[in-house]
Protein backbone atom coordinates (compact mmCIF):
# COMPACT_ATOMS: atom_id res chain seq x y z
CA MET A 1 -33.34 -26.09 39.58
CA ALA A 2 -32.39 -25.23 43.25
CA GLN A 3 -29.88 -27.20 44.79
CA LYS A 4 -30.50 -29.13 48.01
CA LEU A 5 -28.22 -28.44 50.66
CA ASN A 6 -25.87 -30.62 52.17
CA LEU A 7 -26.47 -30.53 56.00
CA GLY A 8 -24.88 -33.73 56.80
CA ASN A 9 -26.64 -36.28 59.34
CA PRO A 10 -29.45 -34.09 61.62
CA GLY A 11 -28.75 -34.10 65.42
CA ARG A 12 -25.09 -34.69 64.95
CA TRP A 13 -22.34 -31.90 65.00
CA LEU A 14 -18.63 -31.86 64.46
CA ARG A 15 -16.64 -29.07 66.90
CA HIS A 16 -13.48 -27.74 65.39
CA VAL A 17 -10.25 -28.35 68.28
CA ASP A 18 -8.76 -24.92 67.84
CA ASP A 19 -11.56 -22.63 67.03
CA GLY A 20 -14.61 -23.92 67.84
CA GLN A 21 -16.88 -23.97 65.19
CA ILE A 22 -19.31 -25.88 64.78
CA PHE A 23 -20.26 -27.44 61.82
CA HIS A 24 -22.94 -29.89 60.72
CA HIS A 25 -21.73 -33.60 60.70
CA SER A 26 -20.52 -34.90 57.34
CA ASP A 27 -18.16 -38.12 56.92
CA ILE A 28 -15.45 -35.62 55.28
CA LEU A 29 -15.30 -33.62 58.05
CA ALA A 30 -15.34 -36.61 60.84
CA GLY A 31 -12.06 -37.57 59.16
CA ASN A 32 -10.21 -34.91 60.00
CA PRO A 33 -7.85 -34.86 63.34
CA LYS A 34 -8.42 -31.21 64.55
CA VAL A 35 -12.59 -31.84 64.36
CA GLU A 36 -14.51 -33.28 67.50
CA GLU A 37 -18.32 -34.62 67.67
CA VAL A 38 -20.52 -33.27 70.05
CA THR A 39 -23.82 -32.97 71.39
CA GLU A 40 -26.41 -30.48 70.77
CA GLU A 41 -26.37 -29.09 73.97
CA GLU A 42 -22.25 -28.54 73.70
CA ALA A 43 -23.03 -27.33 69.94
CA PHE A 44 -25.62 -24.76 71.50
CA PRO A 45 -25.95 -24.21 74.99
CA GLU A 46 -28.17 -20.98 74.65
CA ARG A 47 -30.94 -23.62 73.31
CA PHE A 48 -31.12 -25.72 76.82
CA LEU A 49 -31.02 -22.89 78.92
CA THR A 50 -32.78 -23.86 82.43
CA LYS A 51 -35.65 -21.68 83.99
CA LYS A 52 -33.04 -20.57 86.88
CA GLN A 53 -30.95 -18.85 83.87
CA LYS A 54 -33.47 -17.57 81.82
CA ALA A 55 -35.31 -16.27 84.57
CA ARG A 56 -31.94 -14.47 85.83
CA THR A 57 -31.95 -10.44 85.56
CA SER A 58 -29.19 -8.26 85.45
CA GLU A 59 -28.40 -5.91 88.54
CA LEU A 60 -27.53 -3.47 86.45
CA ASP A 61 -30.09 -1.00 85.11
CA LEU A 62 -29.57 -1.78 80.91
CA SER A 63 -32.49 0.17 80.37
CA THR A 64 -31.78 3.10 77.12
CA ASP A 65 -34.45 5.44 78.55
CA PRO A 66 -33.07 8.69 77.87
CA LYS A 67 -34.14 10.01 81.39
CA GLU A 68 -32.70 6.86 82.78
CA VAL A 69 -29.44 7.58 81.02
CA VAL A 70 -29.67 11.61 82.12
CA LYS A 71 -29.94 10.17 85.69
CA ALA A 72 -26.97 7.86 85.52
CA LYS A 73 -24.24 10.28 84.27
CA PRO A 74 -21.92 11.24 87.28
CA LYS A 75 -23.07 14.56 88.91
CA LYS A 76 -19.88 15.55 90.75
CA LYS A 77 -17.67 18.25 88.89
CA THR A 78 -13.99 18.27 88.25
CA LYS A 79 -11.91 20.42 90.41
CA ALA A 80 -10.48 23.20 87.83
CA ALA A 81 -6.67 22.65 89.69
CA LEU A 82 -7.38 18.49 88.61
CA ALA A 83 -8.47 19.58 85.40
CA ALA A 84 -5.74 22.16 84.60
CA ASP A 85 -3.06 19.70 85.76
CA ALA A 86 -4.13 16.90 83.35
CA SER A 87 -4.32 19.39 80.70
CA ARG A 88 -1.15 20.96 80.52
CA GLY A 89 0.98 20.07 77.94
CA ILE A 90 -2.12 19.40 75.34
CA GLY A 91 -1.65 21.71 72.31
CA LYS A 92 1.92 22.54 72.96
CA LYS A 93 4.26 22.65 69.81
CA LYS A 94 6.99 21.30 70.48
């Protein structure tokens, strides 16, 4: 026989003061001094985004299309003198 989960009081949430972890409300946890009661909007802000926040897009192109990734790679080559100076001392045994 499956045991029913104890989800506490529906619609009420508790947040740990130190690490911010969210718990279902229960009388035992509510008695802990390191726990405070919060609203659902404070516990889960991603559920309550405004239309402006939902419509916001990134200024950067975040696509993973291989053609776009190739275009985004730097086209400037490193100067030979700079590369030689940067790698000086690599591979030498002491």
